Amino acid sequence: TPRAAMLCPLAGIALGFLCLGFIFGVFQTPAIGILP
């Protein structure tokens, strides 16, 4: 399997499930989320 095919699903999981939702949560409670 090409390296791109092995890595991009992980990148998609990272973008959708690890980054977006949690970044939204940080900016929903900016007082306790942004500085950390």
ModelCIF file with pLDDT and N, C-alpha, C, O atoms, coordinates in Angstrom:
data_MODEL
#
_entry.id   MODEL 
#
_entity.id                         1 
_entity.type                       polymer 
_entity.pdbx_number_of_molecules   1 
#
_entity_poly.entity_id                      1 
_entity_poly.type                           'polypeptide(L)' 
_entity_poly.nstd_linkage                   no 
_entity_poly.nstd_monomer                   no 
_entity_poly.pdbx_seq_one_letter_code       TPRAAMLCPLAGIALGFLCLGFIFGVFQTPAIGILP 
_entity_poly.pdbx_seq_one_letter_code_can   TPRAAMLCPLAGIALGFLCLGFIFGVFQTPAIGILP 
_entity_poly.pdbx_strand_id                 A 
#
loop_
_entity_poly_seq.entity_id 
_entity_poly_seq.num 
_entity_poly_seq.mon_id 
_entity_poly_seq.hetero 
1 1  THR n 
1 2  PRO n 
1 3  ARG n 
1 4  ALA n 
1 5  ALA n 
1 6  MET n 
1 7  LEU n 
1 8  CYS n 
1 9  PRO n 
1 10 LEU n 
1 11 ALA n 
1 12 GLY n 
1 13 ILE n 
1 14 ALA n 
1 15 LEU n 
1 16 GLY n 
1 17 PHE n 
1 18 LEU n 
1 19 CYS n 
1 20 LEU n 
1 21 GLY n 
1 22 PHE n 
1 23 ILE n 
1 24 PHE n 
1 25 GLY n 
1 26 VAL n 
1 27 PHE n 
1 28 GLN n 
1 29 THR n 
1 30 PRO n 
1 31 ALA n 
1 32 ILE n 
1 33 GLY n 
1 34 ILE n 
1 35 LEU n 
1 36 PRO n 
#
_struct_asym.id          A 
_struct_asym.entity_id   1 
#
loop_
_ma_qa_metric.id 
_ma_qa_metric.mode 
_ma_qa_metric.name 
_ma_qa_metric.software_group_id 
_ma_qa_metric.type 
1 global pLDDT . pLDDT 
2 local  pLDDT . pLDDT 
#
_ma_qa_metric_global.metric_id      1 
_ma_qa_metric_global.metric_value   83.36 
_ma_qa_metric_global.model_id       1 
_ma_qa_metric_global.ordinal_id     1 
#
loop_
_ma_qa_metric_local.label_asym_id 
_ma_qa_metric_local.label_comp_id 
_ma_qa_metric_local.label_seq_id 
_ma_qa_metric_local.metric_id 
_ma_qa_metric_local.metric_value 
_ma_qa_metric_local.model_id 
_ma_qa_metric_local.ordinal_id 
A THR 1  2 77.00 1 1  
A PRO 2  2 83.00 1 2  
A ARG 3  2 78.00 1 3  
A ALA 4  2 83.00 1 4  
A ALA 5  2 82.00 1 5  
A MET 6  2 76.00 1 6  
A LEU 7  2 77.00 1 7  
A CYS 8  2 81.00 1 8  
A PRO 9  2 78.00 1 9  
A LEU 10 2 73.00 1 10 
A ALA 11 2 81.00 1 11 
A GLY 12 2 82.00 1 12 
A ILE 13 2 77.00 1 13 
A ALA 14 2 77.00 1 14 
A LEU 15 2 84.00 1 15 
A GLY 16 2 80.00 1 16 
A PHE 17 2 74.00 1 17 
A LEU 18 2 74.00 1 18 
A CYS 19 2 83.00 1 19 
A LEU 20 2 83.00 1 20 
A GLY 21 2 75.00 1 21 
A PHE 22 2 82.00 1 22 
A ILE 23 2 89.00 1 23 
A PHE 24 2 88.00 1 24 
A GLY 25 2 84.00 1 25 
A VAL 26 2 88.00 1 26 
A PHE 27 2 91.00 1 27 
A GLN 28 2 89.00 1 28 
A THR 29 2 88.00 1 29 
A PRO 30 2 92.00 1 30 
A ALA 31 2 92.00 1 31 
A ILE 32 2 90.00 1 32 
A GLY 33 2 89.00 1 33 
A ILE 34 2 94.00 1 34 
A LEU 35 2 95.00 1 35 
A PRO 36 2 92.00 1 36 
#
loop_
_atom_site.group_PDB 
_atom_site.id 
_atom_site.type_symbol 
_atom_site.label_atom_id 
_atom_site.label_alt_id 
_atom_site.label_comp_id 
_atom_site.label_asym_id 
_atom_site.label_entity_id 
_atom_site.label_seq_id 
_atom_site.pdbx_PDB_ins_code 
_atom_site.Cartn_x 
_atom_site.Cartn_y 
_atom_site.Cartn_z 
_atom_site.occupancy 
_atom_site.B_iso_or_equiv 
_atom_site.pdbx_formal_charge 
_atom_site.auth_seq_id 
_atom_site.auth_comp_id 
_atom_site.auth_asym_id 
_atom_site.auth_atom_id 
_atom_site.pdbx_PDB_model_num 
ATOM 1   N N  . THR A 1 1  ? 0.832   -1.199 0.000  1.00 77.00 ? 1  THR A N  1 
ATOM 2   C CA . THR A 1 1  ? 0.000   0.000  0.000  1.00 77.00 ? 1  THR A CA 1 
ATOM 3   C C  . THR A 1 1  ? 0.869   1.252  0.000  1.00 77.00 ? 1  THR A C  1 
ATOM 4   O O  . THR A 1 1  ? 1.806   1.342  0.792  1.00 77.00 ? 1  THR A O  1 
ATOM 5   N N  . PRO A 1 2  ? 0.580   2.226  -0.873 1.00 83.00 ? 2  PRO A N  1 
ATOM 6   C CA . PRO A 1 2  ? 1.356   3.480  -0.878 1.00 83.00 ? 2  PRO A CA 1 
ATOM 7   C C  . PRO A 1 2  ? 1.314   4.166  0.485  1.00 83.00 ? 2  PRO A C  1 
ATOM 8   O O  . PRO A 1 2  ? 0.332   4.077  1.221  1.00 83.00 ? 2  PRO A O  1 
ATOM 9   N N  . ARG A 1 3  ? 2.393   4.839  0.787  1.00 78.00 ? 3  ARG A N  1 
ATOM 10  C CA . ARG A 1 3  ? 2.480   5.514  2.090  1.00 78.00 ? 3  ARG A CA 1 
ATOM 11  C C  . ARG A 1 3  ? 1.367   6.531  2.273  1.00 78.00 ? 3  ARG A C  1 
ATOM 12  O O  . ARG A 1 3  ? 0.850   6.689  3.378  1.00 78.00 ? 3  ARG A O  1 
ATOM 13  N N  . ALA A 1 4  ? 0.993   7.221  1.202  1.00 83.00 ? 4  ALA A N  1 
ATOM 14  C CA . ALA A 1 4  ? -0.081  8.215  1.307  1.00 83.00 ? 4  ALA A CA 1 
ATOM 15  C C  . ALA A 1 4  ? -1.373  7.562  1.767  1.00 83.00 ? 4  ALA A C  1 
ATOM 16  O O  . ALA A 1 4  ? -2.108  8.136  2.570  1.00 83.00 ? 4  ALA A O  1 
ATOM 17  N N  . ALA A 1 5  ? -1.660  6.347  1.256  1.00 82.00 ? 5  ALA A N  1 
ATOM 18  C CA . ALA A 1 5  ? -2.891  5.651  1.624  1.00 82.00 ? 5  ALA A CA 1 
ATOM 19  C C  . ALA A 1 5  ? -2.843  5.147  3.059  1.00 82.00 ? 5  ALA A C  1 
ATOM 20  O O  . ALA A 1 5  ? -3.887  4.999  3.694  1.00 82.00 ? 5  ALA A O  1 
ATOM 21  N N  . MET A 1 6  ? -1.654  4.883  3.576  1.00 76.00 ? 6  MET A N  1 
ATOM 22  C CA . MET A 1 6  ? -1.526  4.420  4.952  1.00 76.00 ? 6  MET A CA 1 
ATOM 23  C C  . MET A 1 6  ? -1.661  5.564  5.948  1.00 76.00 ? 6  MET A C  1 
ATOM 24  O O  . MET A 1 6  ? -2.151  5.377  7.062  1.00 76.00 ? 6  MET A O  1 
ATOM 25  N N  . LEU A 1 7  ? -1.220  6.759  5.533  1.00 77.00 ? 7  LEU A N  1 
ATOM 26  C CA . LEU A 1 7  ? -1.155  7.869  6.475  1.00 77.00 ? 7  LEU A CA 1 
ATOM 27  C C  . LEU A 1 7  ? -2.368  8.795  6.420  1.00 77.00 ? 7  LEU A C  1 
ATOM 28  O O  . LEU A 1 7  ? -2.756  9.363  7.441  1.00 77.00 ? 7  LEU A O  1 
ATOM 29  N N  . CYS A 1 8  ? -2.976  8.955  5.233  1.00 81.00 ? 8  CYS A N  1 
ATOM 30  C CA . CYS A 1 8  ? -4.036  9.957  5.147  1.00 81.00 ? 8  CYS A CA 1 
ATOM 31  C C  . CYS A 1 8  ? -5.289  9.596  5.949  1.00 81.00 ? 8  CYS A C  1 
ATOM 32  O O  . CYS A 1 8  ? -5.939  10.511 6.454  1.00 81.00 ? 8  CYS A O  1 
ATOM 33  N N  . PRO A 1 9  ? -5.677  8.304  6.102  1.00 78.00 ? 9  PRO A N  1 
ATOM 34  C CA . PRO A 1 9  ? -6.819  8.045  6.988  1.00 78.00 ? 9  PRO A CA 1 
ATOM 35  C C  . PRO A 1 9  ? -6.550  8.486  8.423  1.00 78.00 ? 9  PRO A C  1 
ATOM 36  O O  . PRO A 1 9  ? -7.446  8.994  9.097  1.00 78.00 ? 9  PRO A O  1 
ATOM 37  N N  . LEU A 1 10 ? -5.319  8.294  8.890  1.00 73.00 ? 10 LEU A N  1 
ATOM 38  C CA . LEU A 1 10 ? -4.978  8.776  10.229 1.00 73.00 ? 10 LEU A CA 1 
ATOM 39  C C  . LEU A 1 10 ? -5.092  10.293 10.302 1.00 73.00 ? 10 LEU A C  1 
ATOM 40  O O  . LEU A 1 10 ? -5.583  10.847 11.285 1.00 73.00 ? 10 LEU A O  1 
ATOM 41  N N  . ALA A 1 11 ? -4.624  10.959 9.233  1.00 81.00 ? 11 ALA A N  1 
ATOM 42  C CA . ALA A 1 11 ? -4.709  12.415 9.209  1.00 81.00 ? 11 ALA A CA 1 
ATOM 43  C C  . ALA A 1 11 ? -6.164  12.871 9.217  1.00 81.00 ? 11 ALA A C  1 
ATOM 44  O O  . ALA A 1 11 ? -6.499  13.871 9.851  1.00 81.00 ? 11 ALA A O  1 
ATOM 45  N N  . GLY A 1 12 ? -7.035  12.133 8.508  1.00 82.00 ? 12 GLY A N  1 
ATOM 46  C CA . GLY A 1 12 ? -8.452  12.478 8.513  1.00 82.00 ? 12 GLY A CA 1 
ATOM 47  C C  . GLY A 1 12 ? -9.088  12.291 9.876  1.00 82.00 ? 12 GLY A C  1 
ATOM 48  O O  . GLY A 1 12 ? -9.877  13.126 10.319 1.00 82.00 ? 12 GLY A O  1 
ATOM 49  N N  . ILE A 1 13 ? -8.744  11.189 10.545 1.00 77.00 ? 13 ILE A N  1 
ATOM 50  C CA . ILE A 1 13 ? -9.225  10.973 11.911 1.00 77.00 ? 13 ILE A CA 1 
ATOM 51  C C  . ILE A 1 13 ? -8.734  12.095 12.820 1.00 77.00 ? 13 ILE A C  1 
ATOM 52  O O  . ILE A 1 13 ? -9.479  12.619 13.648 1.00 77.00 ? 13 ILE A O  1 
ATOM 53  N N  . ALA A 1 14 ? -7.458  12.451 12.646 1.00 77.00 ? 14 ALA A N  1 
ATOM 54  C CA . ALA A 1 14 ? -6.886  13.501 13.488 1.00 77.00 ? 14 ALA A CA 1 
ATOM 55  C C  . ALA A 1 14 ? -7.598  14.828 13.277 1.00 77.00 ? 14 ALA A C  1 
ATOM 56  O O  . ALA A 1 14 ? -7.905  15.538 14.235 1.00 77.00 ? 14 ALA A O  1 
ATOM 57  N N  . LEU A 1 15 ? -7.861  15.161 12.005 1.00 84.00 ? 15 LEU A N  1 
ATOM 58  C CA . LEU A 1 15 ? -8.508  16.434 11.713 1.00 84.00 ? 15 LEU A CA 1 
ATOM 59  C C  . LEU A 1 15 ? -9.929  16.473 12.262 1.00 84.00 ? 15 LEU A C  1 
ATOM 60  O O  . LEU A 1 15 ? -10.313 17.424 12.942 1.00 84.00 ? 15 LEU A O  1 
ATOM 61  N N  . GLY A 1 16 ? -10.709 15.430 11.961 1.00 80.00 ? 16 GLY A N  1 
ATOM 62  C CA . GLY A 1 16 ? -12.111 15.463 12.337 1.00 80.00 ? 16 GLY A CA 1 
ATOM 63  C C  . GLY A 1 16 ? -12.364 15.215 13.806 1.00 80.00 ? 16 GLY A C  1 
ATOM 64  O O  . GLY A 1 16 ? -13.097 15.965 14.452 1.00 80.00 ? 16 GLY A O  1 
ATOM 65  N N  . PHE A 1 17 ? -11.751 14.147 14.346 1.00 74.00 ? 17 PHE A N  1 
ATOM 66  C CA . PHE A 1 17 ? -12.115 13.698 15.684 1.00 74.00 ? 17 PHE A CA 1 
ATOM 67  C C  . PHE A 1 17 ? -11.185 14.226 16.777 1.00 74.00 ? 17 PHE A C  1 
ATOM 68  O O  . PHE A 1 17 ? -11.604 14.351 17.927 1.00 74.00 ? 17 PHE A O  1 
ATOM 69  N N  . LEU A 1 18 ? -9.939  14.537 16.442 1.00 74.00 ? 18 LEU A N  1 
ATOM 70  C CA . LEU A 1 18 ? -9.021  15.014 17.471 1.00 74.00 ? 18 LEU A CA 1 
ATOM 71  C C  . LEU A 1 18 ? -8.898  16.525 17.497 1.00 74.00 ? 18 LEU A C  1 
ATOM 72  O O  . LEU A 1 18 ? -8.641  17.105 18.551 1.00 74.00 ? 18 LEU A O  1 
ATOM 73  N N  . CYS A 1 19 ? -9.079  17.176 16.348 1.00 83.00 ? 19 CYS A N  1 
ATOM 74  C CA . CYS A 1 19 ? -8.829  18.618 16.284 1.00 83.00 ? 19 CYS A CA 1 
ATOM 75  C C  . CYS A 1 19 ? -10.112 19.445 16.304 1.00 83.00 ? 19 CYS A C  1 
ATOM 76  O O  . CYS A 1 19 ? -10.314 20.258 17.206 1.00 83.00 ? 19 CYS A O  1 
ATOM 77  N N  . LEU A 1 20 ? -10.984 19.237 15.304 1.00 83.00 ? 20 LEU A N  1 
ATOM 78  C CA . LEU A 1 20 ? -12.106 20.152 15.131 1.00 83.00 ? 20 LEU A CA 1 
ATOM 79  C C  . LEU A 1 20 ? -13.007 20.224 16.353 1.00 83.00 ? 20 LEU A C  1 
ATOM 80  O O  . LEU A 1 20 ? -13.265 21.307 16.879 1.00 83.00 ? 20 LEU A O  1 
ATOM 81  N N  . GLY A 1 21 ? -13.488 19.064 16.806 1.00 75.00 ? 21 GLY A N  1 
ATOM 82  C CA . GLY A 1 21 ? -14.417 19.078 17.928 1.00 75.00 ? 21 GLY A CA 1 
ATOM 83  C C  . GLY A 1 21 ? -13.822 19.682 19.180 1.00 75.00 ? 21 GLY A C  1 
ATOM 84  O O  . GLY A 1 21 ? -14.487 20.426 19.901 1.00 75.00 ? 21 GLY A O  1 
ATOM 85  N N  . PHE A 1 22 ? -12.548 19.355 19.437 1.00 82.00 ? 22 PHE A N  1 
ATOM 86  C CA . PHE A 1 22 ? -11.919 19.861 20.652 1.00 82.00 ? 22 PHE A CA 1 
ATOM 87  C C  . PHE A 1 22 ? -11.568 21.340 20.536 1.00 82.00 ? 22 PHE A C  1 
ATOM 88  O O  . PHE A 1 22 ? -11.633 22.072 21.523 1.00 82.00 ? 22 PHE A O  1 
ATOM 89  N N  . ILE A 1 23 ? -11.197 21.782 19.334 1.00 89.00 ? 23 ILE A N  1 
ATOM 90  C CA . ILE A 1 23 ? -10.942 23.215 19.163 1.00 89.00 ? 23 ILE A CA 1 
ATOM 91  C C  . ILE A 1 23 ? -12.233 24.006 19.369 1.00 89.00 ? 23 ILE A C  1 
ATOM 92  O O  . ILE A 1 23 ? -12.219 25.071 19.985 1.00 89.00 ? 23 ILE A O  1 
ATOM 93  N N  . PHE A 1 24 ? -13.342 23.488 18.857 1.00 88.00 ? 24 PHE A N  1 
ATOM 94  C CA . PHE A 1 24 ? -14.619 24.154 19.102 1.00 88.00 ? 24 PHE A CA 1 
ATOM 95  C C  . PHE A 1 24 ? -14.903 24.228 20.599 1.00 88.00 ? 24 PHE A C  1 
ATOM 96  O O  . PHE A 1 24 ? -15.387 25.244 21.097 1.00 88.00 ? 24 PHE A O  1 
ATOM 97  N N  . GLY A 1 25 ? -14.599 23.142 21.314 1.00 84.00 ? 25 GLY A N  1 
ATOM 98  C CA . GLY A 1 25 ? -14.817 23.139 22.754 1.00 84.00 ? 25 GLY A CA 1 
ATOM 99  C C  . GLY A 1 25 ? -13.948 24.158 23.474 1.00 84.00 ? 25 GLY A C  1 
ATOM 100 O O  . GLY A 1 25 ? -14.389 24.802 24.426 1.00 84.00 ? 25 GLY A O  1 
ATOM 101 N N  . VAL A 1 26 ? -12.704 24.300 23.012 1.00 88.00 ? 26 VAL A N  1 
ATOM 102 C CA . VAL A 1 26 ? -11.802 25.292 23.615 1.00 88.00 ? 26 VAL A CA 1 
ATOM 103 C C  . VAL A 1 26 ? -12.367 26.692 23.470 1.00 88.00 ? 26 VAL A C  1 
ATOM 104 O O  . VAL A 1 26 ? -12.356 27.468 24.425 1.00 88.00 ? 26 VAL A O  1 
ATOM 105 N N  . PHE A 1 27 ? -12.865 27.025 22.276 1.00 91.00 ? 27 PHE A N  1 
ATOM 106 C CA . PHE A 1 27 ? -13.363 28.380 22.058 1.00 91.00 ? 27 PHE A CA 1 
ATOM 107 C C  . PHE A 1 27 ? -14.777 28.579 22.582 1.00 91.00 ? 27 PHE A C  1 
ATOM 108 O O  . PHE A 1 27 ? -15.271 29.705 22.634 1.00 91.00 ? 27 PHE A O  1 
ATOM 109 N N  . GLN A 1 28 ? -15.432 27.484 22.971 1.00 89.00 ? 28 GLN A N  1 
ATOM 110 C CA . GLN A 1 28 ? -16.709 27.631 23.664 1.00 89.00 ? 28 GLN A CA 1 
ATOM 111 C C  . GLN A 1 28 ? -16.492 28.025 25.111 1.00 89.00 ? 28 GLN A C  1 
ATOM 112 O O  . GLN A 1 28 ? -17.329 28.706 25.705 1.00 89.00 ? 28 GLN A O  1 
ATOM 113 N N  . THR A 1 29 ? -15.357 27.595 25.693 1.00 88.00 ? 29 THR A N  1 
ATOM 114 C CA . THR A 1 29 ? -14.983 27.992 27.058 1.00 88.00 ? 29 THR A CA 1 
ATOM 115 C C  . THR A 1 29 ? -13.586 28.610 27.006 1.00 88.00 ? 29 THR A C  1 
ATOM 116 O O  . THR A 1 29 ? -12.634 28.039 27.540 1.00 88.00 ? 29 THR A O  1 
ATOM 117 N N  . PRO A 1 30 ? -13.460 29.768 26.371 1.00 92.00 ? 30 PRO A N  1 
ATOM 118 C CA . PRO A 1 30 ? -12.118 30.337 26.135 1.00 92.00 ? 30 PRO A CA 1 
ATOM 119 C C  . PRO A 1 30 ? -11.355 30.666 27.402 1.00 92.00 ? 30 PRO A C  1 
ATOM 120 O O  . PRO A 1 30 ? -10.125 30.624 27.411 1.00 92.00 ? 30 PRO A O  1 
ATOM 121 N N  . ALA A 1 31 ? -12.058 30.990 28.463 1.00 92.00 ? 31 ALA A N  1 
ATOM 122 C CA . ALA A 1 31 ? -11.374 31.399 29.690 1.00 92.00 ? 31 ALA A CA 1 
ATOM 123 C C  . ALA A 1 31 ? -10.506 30.285 30.252 1.00 92.00 ? 31 ALA A C  1 
ATOM 124 O O  . ALA A 1 31 ? -9.463  30.556 30.847 1.00 92.00 ? 31 ALA A O  1 
ATOM 125 N N  . ILE A 1 32 ? -10.926 29.027 30.070 1.00 90.00 ? 32 ILE A N  1 
ATOM 126 C CA . ILE A 1 32 ? -10.143 27.927 30.632 1.00 90.00 ? 32 ILE A CA 1 
ATOM 127 C C  . ILE A 1 32 ? -9.421  27.110 29.567 1.00 90.00 ? 32 ILE A C  1 
ATOM 128 O O  . ILE A 1 32 ? -8.624  26.234 29.906 1.00 90.00 ? 32 ILE A O  1 
ATOM 129 N N  . GLY A 1 33 ? -9.682  27.375 28.283 1.00 89.00 ? 33 GLY A N  1 
ATOM 130 C CA . GLY A 1 33 ? -9.107  26.546 27.238 1.00 89.00 ? 33 GLY A CA 1 
ATOM 131 C C  . GLY A 1 33 ? -7.997  27.163 26.409 1.00 89.00 ? 33 GLY A C  1 
ATOM 132 O O  . GLY A 1 33 ? -7.084  26.459 25.978 1.00 89.00 ? 33 GLY A O  1 
ATOM 133 N N  . ILE A 1 34 ? -8.059  28.474 26.176 1.00 94.00 ? 34 ILE A N  1 
ATOM 134 C CA . ILE A 1 34 ? -7.126  29.071 25.223 1.00 94.00 ? 34 ILE A CA 1 
ATOM 135 C C  . ILE A 1 34 ? -5.703  29.137 25.777 1.00 94.00 ? 34 ILE A C  1 
ATOM 136 O O  . ILE A 1 34 ? -4.766  28.735 25.086 1.00 94.00 ? 34 ILE A O  1 
ATOM 137 N N  . LEU A 1 35 ? -5.514  29.632 27.003 1.00 95.00 ? 35 LEU A N  1 
ATOM 138 C CA . LEU A 1 35 ? -4.158  29.777 27.540 1.00 95.00 ? 35 LEU A CA 1 
ATOM 139 C C  . LEU A 1 35 ? -3.435  28.439 27.643 1.00 95.00 ? 35 LEU A C  1 
ATOM 140 O O  . LEU A 1 35 ? -2.278  28.370 27.226 1.00 95.00 ? 35 LEU A O  1 
ATOM 141 N N  . PRO A 1 36 ? -4.044  27.354 28.178 1.00 92.00 ? 36 PRO A N  1 
ATOM 142 C CA . PRO A 1 36 ? -3.341  26.065 28.161 1.00 92.00 ? 36 PRO A CA 1 
ATOM 143 C C  . PRO A 1 36 ? -2.961  25.612 26.751 1.00 92.00 ? 36 PRO A C  1 
ATOM 144 O O  . PRO A 1 36 ? -2.366  24.547 26.584 1.00 92.00 ? 36 PRO A O  1 
#
